[in-house]
Amino acid sequence: MKRITLSALLMTLFLLMSCNNSGTSPKDGQVAKSDGTILDLATITKNIKDTVAFAQSVKEVHTLVMSIDELAKAIGKKIQNQDPVLAAATNDKNTSLMAGVCSVALDIVKKAKALQIPGFIKDQDLAKKVSGVSDAAGAFVTKLKGKHAELGVNDGGATNDNAQQAIDISGKPNGQNGVKELGALNTAIDALLKAANDAVESAITQLTTSVKAEPTKS
């Protein structure tokens, strides 16, 4: 995302260097390129800024979703003072780990619902992708809650198998405790992140949009 923003700024500087040599009279907040193209830099800059902020918010949600895959690697593990740091545990207790997963999932729901699509890029497809992430995250939380007897055992004894069936997509792809819902959430957030990045690229292309102005009459 930083690379995209930097590219946009560099492009803006390049265009500014070639502006105001066209004989046209741009309005405040606009510049004219030598070929007569008028650029509304105030609007374009705001659009890029708003779109990048939206994409960054989507990336935050994406990172949270991907973190659950990392947490799955801790199922049935304990910390030890040597390499590898994580070693197999013998007590088959994963309740606290699953509580952590549920906490992350609740944060995903909160952040997904808070996503604000910039007005100038808001369309039905993008709005559908945002609601798709929110709905998928909610479905995952609902599944975890519904499996509290297996995942929220009071003595900490959520078994490795039950925990894997909740969050280990690669190890238990047909798991019945949440893996299916987590897979759907992964698919939804991947699609939204791609759409958000595409929106940033589209906002940047406005810098090269040709709107020819009428020459100033003497």
C-alpha atoms as a PDB file:
ATOM      1  CA  MET A   1       0.000   0.000   0.000  1.00  0.00           C
ATOM      2  CA  LYS A   2       2.850   2.394   0.806  1.00  0.00           C
ATOM      3  CA  ARG A   3       4.344   1.626  -2.593  1.00  0.00           C
ATOM      4  CA  ILE A   4       1.079   2.534  -4.306  1.00  0.00           C
ATOM      5  CA  THR A   5       0.812   5.802  -2.386  1.00  0.00           C
ATOM      6  CA  LEU A   6       4.406   6.739  -3.187  1.00  0.00           C
ATOM      7  CA  SER A   7       3.815   6.038  -6.871  1.00  0.00           C
ATOM      8  CA  ALA A   8       0.788   8.317  -6.798  1.00  0.00           C
ATOM      9  CA  LEU A   9       2.752  11.137  -5.228  1.00  0.00           C
ATOM     10  CA  LEU A  10       5.613  10.785  -7.692  1.00  0.00           C
ATOM     11  CA  MET A  11       3.171  10.815 -10.586  1.00  0.00           C
ATOM     12  CA  THR A  12       1.553  13.945  -9.188  1.00  0.00           C
ATOM     13  CA  LEU A  13       4.898  15.720  -8.992  1.00  0.00           C
ATOM     14  CA  PHE A  14       5.750  14.703 -12.537  1.00  0.00           C
ATOM     15  CA  LEU A  15       2.464  16.014 -13.840  1.00  0.00           C
ATOM     16  CA  LEU A  16       2.776  19.272 -11.950  1.00  0.00           C
ATOM     17  CA  MET A  17       6.135  19.883 -13.615  1.00  0.00           C
ATOM     18  CA  SER A  18       4.464  19.736 -17.005  1.00  0.00           C
ATOM     19  CA  CYS A  19       1.430  21.841 -16.130  1.00  0.00           C
ATOM     20  CA  ASN A  20       0.254  25.389 -16.801  1.00  0.00           C
ATOM     21  CA  ASN A  21       1.898  25.731 -20.217  1.00  0.00           C
ATOM     22  CA  SER A  22      -1.237  25.230 -22.271  1.00  0.00           C
ATOM     23  CA  GLY A  23      -2.708  28.690 -22.618  1.00  0.00           C
ATOM     24  CA  THR A  24      -5.759  27.602 -20.637  1.00  0.00           C
ATOM     25  CA  SER A  25      -6.948  29.203 -17.428  1.00  0.00           C
ATOM     26  CA  PRO A  26      -7.561  26.528 -14.789  1.00  0.00           C
ATOM     27  CA  LYS A  27      -9.730  27.232 -11.770  1.00  0.00           C
ATOM     28  CA  ASP A  28      -8.521  27.116  -8.177  1.00  0.00           C
ATOM     29  CA  GLY A  29      -7.410  23.603  -7.259  1.00  0.00           C
ATOM     30  CA  GLN A  30      -6.846  22.712 -10.912  1.00  0.00           C
ATOM     31  CA  VAL A  31      -3.761  22.574 -13.086  1.00  0.00           C
ATOM     32  CA  ALA A  32      -3.430  22.495 -16.859  1.00  0.00           C
ATOM     33  CA  LYS A  33      -0.984  20.262 -18.702  1.00  0.00           C
ATOM     34  CA  SER A  34       0.763  21.428 -21.835  1.00  0.00           C
ATOM     35  CA  ASP A  35      -1.691  19.470 -24.005  1.00  0.00           C
ATOM     36  CA  GLY A  36      -4.670  21.286 -22.516  1.00  0.00           C
ATOM     37  CA  THR A  37      -5.653  18.562 -20.075  1.00  0.00           C
ATOM     38  CA  ILE A  38      -7.185  19.952 -16.892  1.00  0.00           C
ATOM     39  CA  LEU A  39      -6.518  18.065 -13.669  1.00  0.00           C
ATOM     40  CA  ASP A  40      -8.637  18.739 -10.598  1.00  0.00           C
ATOM     41  CA  LEU A  41      -5.843  17.977  -8.156  1.00  0.00           C
ATOM     42  CA  ALA A  42      -7.863  18.853  -5.071  1.00  0.00           C
ATOM     43  CA  THR A  43     -10.505  16.249  -5.876  1.00  0.00           C
ATOM     44  CA  ILE A  44      -8.042  13.669  -7.182  1.00  0.00           C
ATOM     45  CA  THR A  45      -5.830  13.990  -4.112  1.00  0.00           C
ATOM     46  CA  LYS A  46      -8.806  13.569  -1.782  1.00  0.00           C
ATOM     47  CA  ASN A  47     -10.032  10.553  -3.737  1.00  0.00           C
ATOM     48  CA  ILE A  48      -6.634   8.866  -3.542  1.00  0.00           C
ATOM     49  CA  LYS A  49      -6.305   9.644   0.163  1.00  0.00           C
ATOM     50  CA  ASP A  50      -9.780   8.307   0.984  1.00  0.00           C
ATOM     51  CA  THR A  51      -9.339   5.181  -1.126  1.00  0.00           C
ATOM     52  CA  VAL A  52      -5.934   4.360   0.353  1.00  0.00           C
ATOM     53  CA  ALA A  53      -7.385   4.787   3.860  1.00  0.00           C
ATOM     54  CA  PHE A  54     -10.213   2.395   2.962  1.00  0.00           C
ATOM     55  CA  ALA A  55      -7.793  -0.156   1.511  1.00  0.00           C
ATOM     56  CA  GLN A  56      -5.623   0.067   4.619  1.00  0.00           C
ATOM     57  CA  SER A  57      -8.653  -0.621   6.802  1.00  0.00           C
ATOM     58  CA  VAL A  58      -9.474  -3.649   4.672  1.00  0.00           C
ATOM     59  CA  LYS A  59      -5.863  -4.806   4.998  1.00  0.00           C
ATOM     60  CA  GLU A  60      -6.167  -4.620   8.789  1.00  0.00           C
ATOM     61  CA  VAL A  61      -9.173  -6.938   8.671  1.00  0.00           C
ATOM     62  CA  HIS A  62      -7.335  -9.233   6.262  1.00  0.00           C
ATOM     63  CA  THR A  63      -4.368  -9.427   8.651  1.00  0.00           C
ATOM     64  CA  LEU A  64      -6.660 -10.386  11.528  1.00  0.00           C
ATOM     65  CA  VAL A  65      -8.278 -13.142   9.475  1.00  0.00           C
ATOM     66  CA  MET A  66      -4.886 -14.498   8.435  1.00  0.00           C
ATOM     67  CA  SER A  67      -3.742 -14.454  12.077  1.00  0.00           C
ATOM     68  CA  ILE A  68      -6.215 -17.229  12.845  1.00  0.00           C
ATOM     69  CA  ASP A  69      -4.244 -19.484  10.486  1.00  0.00           C
ATOM     70  CA  GLU A  70      -1.172 -18.745  12.605  1.00  0.00           C
ATOM     71  CA  LEU A  71      -3.047 -19.487  15.819  1.00  0.00           C
ATOM     72  CA  ALA A  72      -3.999 -22.873  14.383  1.00  0.00           C
ATOM     73  CA  LYS A  73      -0.303 -23.766  14.436  1.00  0.00           C
ATOM     74  CA  ALA A  74      -0.373 -23.465  18.244  1.00  0.00           C
ATOM     75  CA  ILE A  75      -2.988 -26.188  18.730  1.00  0.00           C
ATOM     76  CA  GLY A  76      -1.589 -28.856  21.046  1.00  0.00           C
ATOM     77  CA  LYS A  77       1.638 -26.926  21.541  1.00  0.00           C
ATOM     78  CA  LYS A  78       3.566 -25.486  24.483  1.00  0.00           C
ATOM     79  CA  ILE A  79       6.460 -23.026  24.754  1.00  0.00           C
ATOM     80  CA  GLN A  80       9.899 -24.374  25.594  1.00  0.00           C
ATOM     81  CA  ASN A  81      13.270 -22.741  26.202  1.00  0.00           C
ATOM     82  CA  GLN A  82      14.966 -24.113  23.105  1.00  0.00           C
ATOM     83  CA  ASP A  83      14.479 -24.415  19.382  1.00  0.00           C
ATOM     84  CA  PRO A  84      11.931 -25.099  18.153  1.00  0.00           C
ATOM     85  CA  VAL A  85      10.201 -22.824  20.653  1.00  0.00           C
ATOM     86  CA  LEU A  86       6.864 -24.593  20.172  1.00  0.00           C
ATOM     87  CA  ALA A  87       6.764 -28.245  21.142  1.00  0.00           C
ATOM     88  CA  ALA A  88       3.986 -30.807  21.420  1.00  0.00           C
ATOM     89  CA  ALA A  89       2.086 -30.639  24.691  1.00  0.00           C
ATOM     90  CA  THR A  90       0.684 -33.742  26.348  1.00  0.00           C
ATOM     91  CA  ASN A  91      -2.379 -32.376  28.148  1.00  0.00           C
ATOM     92  CA  ASP A  92      -4.686 -31.855  25.123  1.00  0.00           C
ATOM     93  CA  LYS A  93      -5.937 -28.526  26.483  1.00  0.00           C
ATOM     94  CA  ASN A  94      -6.828 -25.760  24.015  1.00  0.00           C
ATOM     95  CA  THR A  95      -9.731 -23.897  25.630  1.00  0.00           C
ATOM     96  CA  SER A  96      -7.727 -20.712  26.240  1.00  0.00           C
ATOM     97  CA  LEU A  97      -6.412 -20.788  22.681  1.00  0.00           C
ATOM     98  CA  MET A  98      -9.944 -21.061  21.326  1.00  0.00           C
ATOM     99  CA  ALA A  99     -11.056 -18.175  23.541  1.00  0.00           C
ATOM    100  CA  GLY A 100      -8.284 -16.129  21.936  1.00  0.00           C
ATOM    101  CA  VAL A 101      -9.491 -17.133  18.483  1.00  0.00           C
ATOM    102  CA  CYS A 102     -13.031 -16.076  19.367  1.00  0.00           C
ATOM    103  CA  SER A 103     -11.720 -12.726  20.622  1.00  0.00           C
ATOM    104  CA  VAL A 104      -9.948 -12.146  17.302  1.00  0.00           C
ATOM    105  CA  ALA A 105     -13.088 -13.160  15.407  1.00  0.00           C
ATOM    106  CA  LEU A 106     -15.194 -10.684  17.383  1.00  0.00           C
ATOM    107  CA  ASP A 107     -12.692  -7.944  16.523  1.00  0.00           C
ATOM    108  CA  ILE A 108     -12.950  -8.919  12.858  1.00  0.00           C
ATOM    109  CA  VAL A 109     -16.738  -8.521  13.013  1.00  0.00           C
ATOM    110  CA  LYS A 110     -16.374  -5.104  14.646  1.00  0.00           C
ATOM    111  CA  LYS A 111     -13.815  -3.812  12.145  1.00  0.00           C
ATOM    112  CA  ALA A 112     -15.659  -5.252   9.142  1.00  0.00           C
ATOM    113  CA  LYS A 113     -18.874  -3.498  10.161  1.00  0.00           C
ATOM    114  CA  ALA A 114     -16.948  -0.243  10.595  1.00  0.00           C
ATOM    115  CA  LEU A 115     -15.545  -0.232   7.041  1.00  0.00           C
ATOM    116  CA  GLN A 116     -16.571   2.948   5.226  1.00  0.00           C
ATOM    117  CA  ILE A 117     -16.489   2.887   1.428  1.00  0.00           C
ATOM    118  CA  PRO A 118     -15.554   6.297  -0.053  1.00  0.00           C
ATOM    119  CA  GLY A 119     -18.566   7.790  -1.798  1.00  0.00           C
ATOM    120  CA  PHE A 120     -16.956   8.197  -5.222  1.00  0.00           C
ATOM    121  CA  ILE A 121     -16.096   4.468  -5.499  1.00  0.00           C
ATOM    122  CA  LYS A 122     -19.153   3.115  -3.725  1.00  0.00           C
ATOM    123  CA  ASP A 123     -21.016   0.659  -5.890  1.00  0.00           C
ATOM    124  CA  GLN A 124     -23.253  -2.337  -5.328  1.00  0.00           C
ATOM    125  CA  ASP A 125     -20.518  -4.912  -5.939  1.00  0.00           C
ATOM    126  CA  LEU A 126     -18.054  -3.366  -3.492  1.00  0.00           C
ATOM    127  CA  ALA A 127     -20.756  -2.883  -0.862  1.00  0.00           C
ATOM    128  CA  LYS A 128     -21.703  -6.525  -1.324  1.00  0.00           C
ATOM    129  CA  LYS A 129     -18.103  -7.595  -0.735  1.00  0.00           C
ATOM    130  CA  VAL A 130     -17.914  -5.544   2.474  1.00  0.00           C
ATOM    131  CA  SER A 131     -21.154  -7.021   3.808  1.00  0.00           C
ATOM    132  CA  GLY A 132     -19.932 -10.444   2.697  1.00  0.00           C
ATOM    133  CA  VAL A 133     -16.914 -10.169   4.995  1.00  0.00           C
ATOM    134  CA  SER A 134     -19.058  -8.949   7.874  1.00  0.00           C
ATOM    135  CA  ASP A 135     -21.573 -11.754   7.369  1.00  0.00           C
ATOM    136  CA  ALA A 136     -18.865 -14.420   7.052  1.00  0.00           C
ATOM    137  CA  ALA A 137     -17.137 -13.213  10.212  1.00  0.00           C
ATOM    138  CA  GLY A 138     -20.452 -13.250  12.052  1.00  0.00           C
ATOM    139  CA  ALA A 139     -21.161 -16.779  10.844  1.00  0.00           C
ATOM    140  CA  PHE A 140     -17.747 -17.920  12.111  1.00  0.00           C
ATOM    141  CA  VAL A 141     -18.398 -16.429  15.563  1.00  0.00           C
ATOM    142  CA  THR A 142     -21.858 -18.003  15.637  1.00  0.00           C
ATOM    143  CA  LYS A 143     -20.338 -21.392  14.845  1.00  0.00           C
ATOM    144  CA  LEU A 144     -17.740 -21.062  17.604  1.00  0.00           C
ATOM    145  CA  LYS A 145     -20.472 -20.119  20.075  1.00  0.00           C
ATOM    146  CA  GLY A 146     -22.585 -23.044  18.943  1.00  0.00           C
ATOM    147  CA  LYS A 147     -19.663 -25.389  19.596  1.00  0.00           C
ATOM    148  CA  HIS A 148     -18.955 -24.045  23.088  1.00  0.00           C
ATOM    149  CA  ALA A 149     -19.399 -27.515  24.592  1.00  0.00           C
ATOM    150  CA  GLU A 150     -16.424 -28.734  22.549  1.00  0.00           C
ATOM    151  CA  LEU A 151     -14.339 -25.538  22.448  1.00  0.00           C
ATOM    152  CA  GLY A 152     -15.118 -23.899  25.804  1.00  0.00           C
ATOM    153  CA  VAL A 153     -14.528 -26.788  28.185  1.00  0.00           C
ATOM    154  CA  ASN A 154     -14.239 -25.446  31.744  1.00  0.00           C
ATOM    155  CA  ASP A 155     -11.085 -27.333  32.714  1.00  0.00           C
ATOM    156  CA  GLY A 156      -9.282 -26.076  29.612  1.00  0.00           C
ATOM    157  CA  GLY A 157      -9.707 -29.416  27.936  1.00  0.00           C
ATOM    158  CA  ALA A 158     -10.748 -28.456  24.422  1.00  0.00           C
ATOM    159  CA  THR A 159      -9.110 -31.317  22.562  1.00  0.00           C
ATOM    160  CA  ASN A 160      -6.633 -30.965  19.741  1.00  0.00           C
ATOM    161  CA  ASP A 161      -9.095 -32.573  17.354  1.00  0.00           C
ATOM    162  CA  ASN A 162     -11.952 -30.241  18.254  1.00  0.00           C
ATOM    163  CA  ALA A 163      -9.703 -27.183  18.027  1.00  0.00           C
ATOM    164  CA  GLN A 164      -8.384 -28.320  14.646  1.00  0.00           C
ATOM    165  CA  GLN A 165     -11.926 -28.820  13.390  1.00  0.00           C
ATOM    166  CA  ALA A 166     -12.567 -25.196  14.302  1.00  0.00           C
ATOM    167  CA  ILE A 167      -9.586 -23.372  12.773  1.00  0.00           C
ATOM    168  CA  ASP A 168      -7.136 -25.739  11.042  1.00  0.00           C
ATOM    169  CA  ILE A 169      -8.173 -25.255   7.426  1.00  0.00           C
ATOM    170  CA  SER A 170      -5.265 -27.201   5.941  1.00  0.00           C
ATOM    171  CA  GLY A 171      -5.242 -30.021   8.487  1.00  0.00           C
ATOM    172  CA  LYS A 172      -8.993 -30.471   8.920  1.00  0.00           C
ATOM    173  CA  PRO A 173     -10.612 -29.042   5.764  1.00  0.00           C
ATOM    174  CA  ASN A 174     -13.883 -30.836   6.545  1.00  0.00           C
ATOM    175  CA  GLY A 175     -13.947 -29.882  10.224  1.00  0.00           C
ATOM    176  CA  GLN A 176     -17.357 -29.408  11.801  1.00  0.00           C
ATOM    177  CA  ASN A 177     -16.487 -26.818  14.465  1.00  0.00           C
ATOM    178  CA  GLY A 178     -15.864 -23.736  12.331  1.00  0.00           C
ATOM    179  CA  VAL A 179     -13.394 -24.603   9.581  1.00  0.00           C
ATOM    180  CA  LYS A 180     -16.046 -24.293   6.870  1.00  0.00           C
ATOM    181  CA  GLU A 181     -17.070 -20.841   8.089  1.00  0.00           C
ATOM    182  CA  LEU A 182     -13.446 -19.745   8.463  1.00  0.00           C
ATOM    183  CA  GLY A 183     -12.752 -20.850   4.895  1.00  0.00           C
ATOM    184  CA  ALA A 184     -15.668 -18.747   3.664  1.00  0.00           C
ATOM    185  CA  LEU A 185     -14.314 -15.778   5.636  1.00  0.00           C
ATOM    186  CA  ASN A 186     -10.883 -16.214   4.041  1.00  0.00           C
ATOM    187  CA  THR A 187     -12.452 -16.229   0.576  1.00  0.00           C
ATOM    188  CA  ALA A 188     -14.557 -13.146   1.330  1.00  0.00           C
ATOM    189  CA  ILE A 189     -11.712 -11.036   2.730  1.00  0.00           C
ATOM    190  CA  ASP A 190      -9.383 -11.996  -0.135  1.00  0.00           C
ATOM    191  CA  ALA A 191     -11.989 -10.790  -2.642  1.00  0.00           C
ATOM    192  CA  LEU A 192     -12.538  -7.543  -0.736  1.00  0.00           C
ATOM    193  CA  LEU A 193      -8.822  -6.823  -0.431  1.00  0.00           C
ATOM    194  CA  LYS A 194      -8.371  -7.272  -4.185  1.00  0.00           C
ATOM    195  CA  ALA A 195     -11.312  -4.950  -4.866  1.00  0.00           C
ATOM    196  CA  ALA A 196      -9.916  -2.340  -2.467  1.00  0.00           C
ATOM    197  CA  ASN A 197      -6.488  -2.438  -4.116  1.00  0.00           C
ATOM    198  CA  ASP A 198      -8.131  -2.150  -7.535  1.00  0.00           C
ATOM    199  CA  ALA A 199     -10.002   0.913  -6.272  1.00  0.00           C
ATOM    200  CA  VAL A 200      -6.704   2.523  -5.268  1.00  0.00           C
ATOM    201  CA  GLU A 201      -5.271   1.875  -8.721  1.00  0.00           C
ATOM    202  CA  SER A 202      -8.405   3.348 -10.284  1.00  0.00           C
ATOM    203  CA  ALA A 203      -8.162   6.476  -8.139  1.00  0.00           C
ATOM    204  CA  ILE A 204      -4.546   6.938  -9.181  1.00  0.00           C
ATOM    205  CA  THR A 205      -5.425   6.678 -12.886  1.00  0.00           C
ATOM    206  CA  GLN A 206      -7.476   9.841 -12.482  1.00  0.00           C
ATOM    207  CA  LEU A 207      -4.136  11.635 -12.564  1.00  0.00           C
ATOM    208  CA  THR A 208      -3.874  10.798 -16.251  1.00  0.00           C
ATOM    209  CA  THR A 209      -7.525  11.311 -17.208  1.00  0.00           C
ATOM    210  CA  SER A 210      -7.756  13.702 -20.129  1.00  0.00           C
ATOM    211  CA  VAL A 211     -10.263  16.515 -19.798  1.00  0.00           C
ATOM    212  CA  LYS A 212      -9.381  19.056 -22.435  1.00  0.00           C
ATOM    213  CA  ALA A 213     -10.114  22.651 -21.537  1.00  0.00           C
ATOM    214  CA  GLU A 214     -11.128  25.358 -23.969  1.00  0.00           C
ATOM    215  CA  PRO A 215      -8.249  27.767 -24.718  1.00  0.00           C
ATOM    216  CA  THR A 216      -8.502  31.099 -22.961  1.00  0.00           C
ATOM    217  CA  LYS A 217      -9.926  33.711 -25.323  1.00  0.00           C
ATOM    218  CA  SER A 218      -8.055  36.993 -25.573  1.00  0.00           C
END
